[in-house]
Amino acid sequence: MLQRRSFLLTSLFALAGGAAPAADPWEALRSGDAFVLLRHAIAPGTGDPPGMRIGDCDTQRNLSADGRAQAERIGQLFRDNRIRRASVFSSQWCRCLDTAELLDLGPVAEQPLLNSFFGGRADGREQTEALRAWLIATRSAAPRVLVTHQVNITGLTSVVPRSGELVFATIGGDGAVSVIGRQSAGE
């Protein structure tokens, strides 16, 4: 089953015109050679309502029941690929924190560099560069899972992920990010 998933992942990525993916991005993640960026699970709508406040979920766009189930499936996908614990970092938005918690991979650390810059006045370049520097400086023996937003993932990798999509990547000492695979729960 894992070989079939790897083949499917490799084939789909090649068809999408991406760079050559790793033979097994899950192995790269397990070994610490890669990290995964995860777009939060399904949260209907776009952006957030006016007056959105960090720490007040009632003012935000949140996970739907389907989104909560999707996050749990993603956690199972990690366990199916022999990852039971991870260093999990999340945006401070409730939909990201909820996704991260529902993965059930260990404690979740809030990381403001993963906060959305959608709808902000800045284009996100400064925040993306700070995230890049943090990724270089922060190494972990455990797999690193970063739960964030579409704009953040796109800013770092040029990939436009779907809700609940995992983007496997590596980062060099020079800050160059390489996408080595993509996967959604259920694929």
C-alpha atoms as a PDB file:
ATOM      1  CA  MET A   1       0.000   0.000   0.000  1.00  0.00           C
ATOM      2  CA  LEU A   2       2.815   2.441   0.874  1.00  0.00           C
ATOM      3  CA  GLN A   3       4.577   1.678  -2.432  1.00  0.00           C
ATOM      4  CA  ARG A   4       1.353   2.404  -4.313  1.00  0.00           C
ATOM      5  CA  ARG A   5       0.998   5.727  -2.437  1.00  0.00           C
ATOM      6  CA  SER A   6       4.597   6.680  -3.215  1.00  0.00           C
ATOM      7  CA  PHE A   7       4.111   5.825  -6.886  1.00  0.00           C
ATOM      8  CA  LEU A   8       0.864   7.813  -7.008  1.00  0.00           C
ATOM      9  CA  LEU A   9       2.459  10.744  -5.214  1.00  0.00           C
ATOM     10  CA  THR A  10       5.464  10.706  -7.555  1.00  0.00           C
ATOM     11  CA  SER A  11       3.316  10.356 -10.687  1.00  0.00           C
ATOM     12  CA  LEU A  12       0.882  13.117  -9.725  1.00  0.00           C
ATOM     13  CA  PHE A  13       3.704  15.483  -8.825  1.00  0.00           C
ATOM     14  CA  ALA A  14       5.533  14.808 -12.113  1.00  0.00           C
ATOM     15  CA  LEU A  15       2.338  15.422 -14.103  1.00  0.00           C
ATOM     16  CA  ALA A  16       1.866  18.716 -12.279  1.00  0.00           C
ATOM     17  CA  GLY A  17       5.241  19.845 -13.618  1.00  0.00           C
ATOM     18  CA  GLY A  18       6.991  20.029 -10.260  1.00  0.00           C
ATOM     19  CA  ALA A  19      10.627  19.272  -9.580  1.00  0.00           C
ATOM     20  CA  ALA A  20      11.496  15.634  -9.107  1.00  0.00           C
ATOM     21  CA  PRO A  21      10.054  14.501  -5.779  1.00  0.00           C
ATOM     22  CA  ALA A  22      11.954  12.428  -3.251  1.00  0.00           C
ATOM     23  CA  ALA A  23      11.681   8.676  -3.683  1.00  0.00           C
ATOM     24  CA  ASP A  24       9.832   8.636  -0.364  1.00  0.00           C
ATOM     25  CA  PRO A  25       8.997  12.041   1.129  1.00  0.00           C
ATOM     26  CA  TRP A  26       7.709  10.269   4.262  1.00  0.00           C
ATOM     27  CA  GLU A  27      11.167   8.767   4.824  1.00  0.00           C
ATOM     28  CA  ALA A  28      12.737  12.207   4.355  1.00  0.00           C
ATOM     29  CA  LEU A  29      10.296  13.551   6.953  1.00  0.00           C
ATOM     30  CA  ARG A  30      10.995  10.695   9.393  1.00  0.00           C
ATOM     31  CA  SER A  31      14.755  11.200   9.049  1.00  0.00           C
ATOM     32  CA  GLY A  32      14.562  14.950   9.712  1.00  0.00           C
ATOM     33  CA  ASP A  33      15.819  15.794   6.228  1.00  0.00           C
ATOM     34  CA  ALA A  34      12.454  17.338   5.352  1.00  0.00           C
ATOM     35  CA  PHE A  35       9.560  19.139   6.991  1.00  0.00           C
ATOM     36  CA  VAL A  36       5.905  19.268   6.025  1.00  0.00           C
ATOM     37  CA  LEU A  37       3.734  22.325   5.527  1.00  0.00           C
ATOM     38  CA  LEU A  38       0.062  21.553   6.076  1.00  0.00           C
ATOM     39  CA  ARG A  39      -2.696  23.866   4.987  1.00  0.00           C
ATOM     40  CA  HIS A  40      -5.379  23.829   7.688  1.00  0.00           C
ATOM     41  CA  ALA A  41      -8.299  21.461   7.143  1.00  0.00           C
ATOM     42  CA  ILE A  42     -11.609  22.502   5.582  1.00  0.00           C
ATOM     43  CA  ALA A  43     -12.892  25.824   6.923  1.00  0.00           C
ATOM     44  CA  PRO A  44     -15.606  27.097   4.560  1.00  0.00           C
ATOM     45  CA  GLY A  45     -15.223  30.584   3.167  1.00  0.00           C
ATOM     46  CA  THR A  46     -12.318  32.873   2.378  1.00  0.00           C
ATOM     47  CA  GLY A  47     -10.323  35.046   4.728  1.00  0.00           C
ATOM     48  CA  ASP A  48     -11.880  36.032   8.036  1.00  0.00           C
ATOM     49  CA  PRO A  49     -14.828  38.198   9.053  1.00  0.00           C
ATOM     50  CA  PRO A  50     -14.220  41.880   9.832  1.00  0.00           C
ATOM     51  CA  GLY A  51     -13.035  42.290  13.408  1.00  0.00           C
ATOM     52  CA  MET A  52     -11.242  38.931  13.521  1.00  0.00           C
ATOM     53  CA  ARG A  53      -9.089  38.584  16.636  1.00  0.00           C
ATOM     54  CA  ILE A  54      -6.399  36.014  17.374  1.00  0.00           C
ATOM     55  CA  GLY A  55      -7.421  33.993  20.407  1.00  0.00           C
ATOM     56  CA  ASP A  56     -11.162  34.552  19.865  1.00  0.00           C
ATOM     57  CA  CYS A  57     -12.481  31.713  17.715  1.00  0.00           C
ATOM     58  CA  ASP A  58     -15.958  33.285  17.613  1.00  0.00           C
ATOM     59  CA  THR A  59     -14.512  36.062  15.403  1.00  0.00           C
ATOM     60  CA  GLN A  60     -12.810  33.689  12.933  1.00  0.00           C
ATOM     61  CA  ARG A  61     -13.595  31.283  10.117  1.00  0.00           C
ATOM     62  CA  ASN A  62     -13.359  27.843  11.728  1.00  0.00           C
ATOM     63  CA  LEU A  63     -13.197  24.180  10.775  1.00  0.00           C
ATOM     64  CA  SER A  64     -16.436  22.567   9.667  1.00  0.00           C
ATOM     65  CA  ALA A  65     -17.407  19.065  10.798  1.00  0.00           C
ATOM     66  CA  ASP A  66     -15.858  17.837   7.528  1.00  0.00           C
ATOM     67  CA  GLY A  67     -12.709  19.802   8.361  1.00  0.00           C
ATOM     68  CA  ARG A  68     -12.451  18.227  11.800  1.00  0.00           C
ATOM     69  CA  ALA A  69     -12.848  14.749  10.275  1.00  0.00           C
ATOM     70  CA  GLN A  70     -10.270  15.632   7.608  1.00  0.00           C
ATOM     71  CA  ALA A  71      -7.745  16.698  10.262  1.00  0.00           C
ATOM     72  CA  GLU A  72      -8.227  13.380  12.072  1.00  0.00           C
ATOM     73  CA  ARG A  73      -7.684  11.495   8.766  1.00  0.00           C
ATOM     74  CA  ILE A  74      -4.481  13.456   8.201  1.00  0.00           C
ATOM     75  CA  GLY A  75      -3.271  12.438  11.669  1.00  0.00           C
ATOM     76  CA  GLN A  76      -4.019   8.816  10.769  1.00  0.00           C
ATOM     77  CA  LEU A  77      -2.083   9.286   7.520  1.00  0.00           C
ATOM     78  CA  PHE A  78       0.971  10.252   9.588  1.00  0.00           C
ATOM     79  CA  ARG A  79       0.550   7.176  11.788  1.00  0.00           C
ATOM     80  CA  ASP A  80       0.059   4.956   8.699  1.00  0.00           C
ATOM     81  CA  ASN A  81       3.442   6.273   7.554  1.00  0.00           C
ATOM     82  CA  ARG A  82       5.134   5.427  10.874  1.00  0.00           C
ATOM     83  CA  ILE A  83       5.047   8.904  12.398  1.00  0.00           C
ATOM     84  CA  ARG A  84       3.369   8.827  15.793  1.00  0.00           C
ATOM     85  CA  ARG A  85       5.033  11.918  17.321  1.00  0.00           C
ATOM     86  CA  ALA A  86       6.199  15.119  15.725  1.00  0.00           C
ATOM     87  CA  SER A  87       7.283  18.649  16.531  1.00  0.00           C
ATOM     88  CA  VAL A  88       4.049  20.421  15.606  1.00  0.00           C
ATOM     89  CA  PHE A  89       3.993  24.181  15.052  1.00  0.00           C
ATOM     90  CA  SER A  90       0.866  26.140  14.174  1.00  0.00           C
ATOM     91  CA  SER A  91      -0.409  29.506  13.136  1.00  0.00           C
ATOM     92  CA  GLN A  92      -2.314  31.201  15.952  1.00  0.00           C
ATOM     93  CA  TRP A  93      -5.568  31.106  13.941  1.00  0.00           C
ATOM     94  CA  CYS A  94      -8.130  28.747  15.511  1.00  0.00           C
ATOM     95  CA  ARG A  95      -8.611  26.699  12.303  1.00  0.00           C
ATOM     96  CA  CYS A  96      -4.868  25.941  12.261  1.00  0.00           C
ATOM     97  CA  LEU A  97      -4.617  25.234  15.981  1.00  0.00           C
ATOM     98  CA  ASP A  98      -7.637  22.930  15.788  1.00  0.00           C
ATOM     99  CA  THR A  99      -6.159  21.110  12.788  1.00  0.00           C
ATOM    100  CA  ALA A 100      -2.837  20.729  14.612  1.00  0.00           C
ATOM    101  CA  GLU A 101      -4.500  19.399  17.790  1.00  0.00           C
ATOM    102  CA  LEU A 102      -6.684  16.944  15.873  1.00  0.00           C
ATOM    103  CA  LEU A 103      -3.584  15.423  14.219  1.00  0.00           C
ATOM    104  CA  ASP A 104      -2.822  13.991  17.676  1.00  0.00           C
ATOM    105  CA  LEU A 105       0.946  13.959  17.054  1.00  0.00           C
ATOM    106  CA  GLY A 106       2.002  15.675  20.278  1.00  0.00           C
ATOM    107  CA  PRO A 107       1.977  19.123  21.852  1.00  0.00           C
ATOM    108  CA  VAL A 108       1.301  22.039  19.524  1.00  0.00           C
ATOM    109  CA  ALA A 109       3.485  25.151  19.702  1.00  0.00           C
ATOM    110  CA  GLU A 110       2.104  28.432  18.399  1.00  0.00           C
ATOM    111  CA  GLN A 111       4.416  30.039  15.850  1.00  0.00           C
ATOM    112  CA  PRO A 112       3.385  33.589  14.785  1.00  0.00           C
ATOM    113  CA  LEU A 113       5.534  33.319  11.637  1.00  0.00           C
ATOM    114  CA  LEU A 114       2.903  30.837  10.394  1.00  0.00           C
ATOM    115  CA  ASN A 115       0.074  33.378  10.833  1.00  0.00           C
ATOM    116  CA  SER A 116      -1.773  34.351   7.680  1.00  0.00           C
ATOM    117  CA  PHE A 117      -0.893  37.549   5.887  1.00  0.00           C
ATOM    118  CA  PHE A 118      -3.930  37.261   3.583  1.00  0.00           C
ATOM    119  CA  GLY A 119      -5.713  40.576   3.366  1.00  0.00           C
ATOM    120  CA  GLY A 120      -2.878  42.389   5.133  1.00  0.00           C
ATOM    121  CA  ARG A 121      -1.168  45.463   3.849  1.00  0.00           C
ATOM    122  CA  ALA A 122       2.148  43.676   3.408  1.00  0.00           C
ATOM    123  CA  ASP A 123       2.729  41.127   0.675  1.00  0.00           C
ATOM    124  CA  GLY A 124       4.241  38.689   3.150  1.00  0.00           C
ATOM    125  CA  ARG A 125       7.822  38.766   1.863  1.00  0.00           C
ATOM    126  CA  GLU A 126       9.299  39.923   5.166  1.00  0.00           C
ATOM    127  CA  GLN A 127       7.360  37.304   7.130  1.00  0.00           C
ATOM    128  CA  THR A 128       8.283  34.587   4.617  1.00  0.00           C
ATOM    129  CA  GLU A 129      11.970  35.467   4.921  1.00  0.00           C
ATOM    130  CA  ALA A 130      11.717  35.362   8.721  1.00  0.00           C
ATOM    131  CA  LEU A 131      10.043  31.935   8.459  1.00  0.00           C
ATOM    132  CA  ARG A 132      12.837  30.779   6.149  1.00  0.00           C
ATOM    133  CA  ALA A 133      15.460  31.893   8.717  1.00  0.00           C
ATOM    134  CA  TRP A 134      13.522  30.188  11.536  1.00  0.00           C
ATOM    135  CA  LEU A 135      13.374  26.928   9.554  1.00  0.00           C
ATOM    136  CA  ILE A 136      17.150  26.982   9.040  1.00  0.00           C
ATOM    137  CA  ALA A 137      17.808  27.726  12.723  1.00  0.00           C
ATOM    138  CA  THR A 138      15.232  25.283  14.119  1.00  0.00           C
ATOM    139  CA  ARG A 139      16.190  21.675  13.683  1.00  0.00           C
ATOM    140  CA  SER A 140      14.447  18.794  15.384  1.00  0.00           C
ATOM    141  CA  ALA A 141      15.150  15.108  15.838  1.00  0.00           C
ATOM    142  CA  ALA A 142      11.395  14.585  15.464  1.00  0.00           C
ATOM    143  CA  PRO A 143       9.580  15.220  12.178  1.00  0.00           C
ATOM    144  CA  ARG A 144       8.514  18.872  11.838  1.00  0.00           C
ATOM    145  CA  VAL A 145       4.893  19.619  10.930  1.00  0.00           C
ATOM    146  CA  LEU A 146       3.910  23.248  10.279  1.00  0.00           C
ATOM    147  CA  VAL A 147       0.172  23.961  10.128  1.00  0.00           C
ATOM    148  CA  THR A 148      -0.500  27.207   8.325  1.00  0.00           C
ATOM    149  CA  HIS A 149      -2.417  28.949   5.539  1.00  0.00           C
ATOM    150  CA  GLN A 150      -2.399  28.856   1.745  1.00  0.00           C
ATOM    151  CA  VAL A 151      -0.693  32.244   1.371  1.00  0.00           C
ATOM    152  CA  ASN A 152       2.161  31.234   3.681  1.00  0.00           C
ATOM    153  CA  ILE A 153       2.785  27.952   1.858  1.00  0.00           C
ATOM    154  CA  THR A 154       2.599  29.673  -1.524  1.00  0.00           C
ATOM    155  CA  GLY A 155       4.959  32.426  -0.358  1.00  0.00           C
ATOM    156  CA  LEU A 156       7.559  29.880   0.726  1.00  0.00           C
ATOM    157  CA  THR A 157       7.175  27.234  -2.010  1.00  0.00           C
ATOM    158  CA  SER A 158       5.081  28.697  -4.889  1.00  0.00           C
ATOM    159  CA  VAL A 159       2.659  25.774  -4.364  1.00  0.00           C
ATOM    160  CA  VAL A 160      -1.046  26.613  -4.000  1.00  0.00           C
ATOM    161  CA  PRO A 161      -2.286  23.819  -1.707  1.00  0.00           C
ATOM    162  CA  ARG A 162      -5.831  22.622  -1.138  1.00  0.00           C
ATOM    163  CA  SER A 163      -7.293  22.535   2.368  1.00  0.00           C
ATOM    164  CA  GLY A 164      -5.669  19.675   4.257  1.00  0.00           C
ATOM    165  CA  GLU A 165      -2.882  19.188   1.705  1.00  0.00           C
ATOM    166  CA  LEU A 166       0.620  18.282   2.887  1.00  0.00           C
ATOM    167  CA  VAL A 167       3.589  19.852   1.094  1.00  0.00           C
ATOM    168  CA  PHE A 168       6.860  18.045   1.860  1.00  0.00           C
ATOM    169  CA  ALA A 169       9.925  20.278   1.535  1.00  0.00           C
ATOM    170  CA  THR A 170      13.588  20.609   2.348  1.00  0.00           C
ATOM    171  CA  ILE A 171      15.559  23.762   3.051  1.00  0.00           C
ATOM    172  CA  GLY A 172      19.223  24.342   2.376  1.00  0.00           C
ATOM    173  CA  GLY A 173      21.594  26.404   4.487  1.00  0.00           C
ATOM    174  CA  ASP A 174      21.190  29.164   1.905  1.00  0.00           C
ATOM    175  CA  GLY A 175      17.427  29.225   2.479  1.00  0.00           C
ATOM    176  CA  ALA A 176      16.485  27.565  -0.806  1.00  0.00           C
ATOM    177  CA  VAL A 177      13.288  25.555  -0.340  1.00  0.00           C
ATOM    178  CA  SER A 178      12.680  22.486  -2.503  1.00  0.00           C
ATOM    179  CA  VAL A 179       9.305  20.771  -2.665  1.00  0.00           C
ATOM    180  CA  ILE A 180       9.847  17.005  -2.663  1.00  0.00           C
ATOM    181  CA  GLY A 181       6.236  15.805  -2.573  1.00  0.00           C
ATOM    182  CA  ARG A 182       2.590  16.608  -1.994  1.00  0.00           C
ATOM    183  CA  GLN A 183      -0.265  14.547  -0.577  1.00  0.00           C
ATOM    184  CA  SER A 184      -3.834  14.924   0.641  1.00  0.00           C
ATOM    185  CA  ALA A 185      -5.606  12.685   3.109  1.00  0.00           C
ATOM    186  CA  GLY A 186      -7.513  10.017   1.256  1.00  0.00           C
ATOM    187  CA  GLU A 187      -5.120   9.845  -1.715  1.00  0.00           C
END
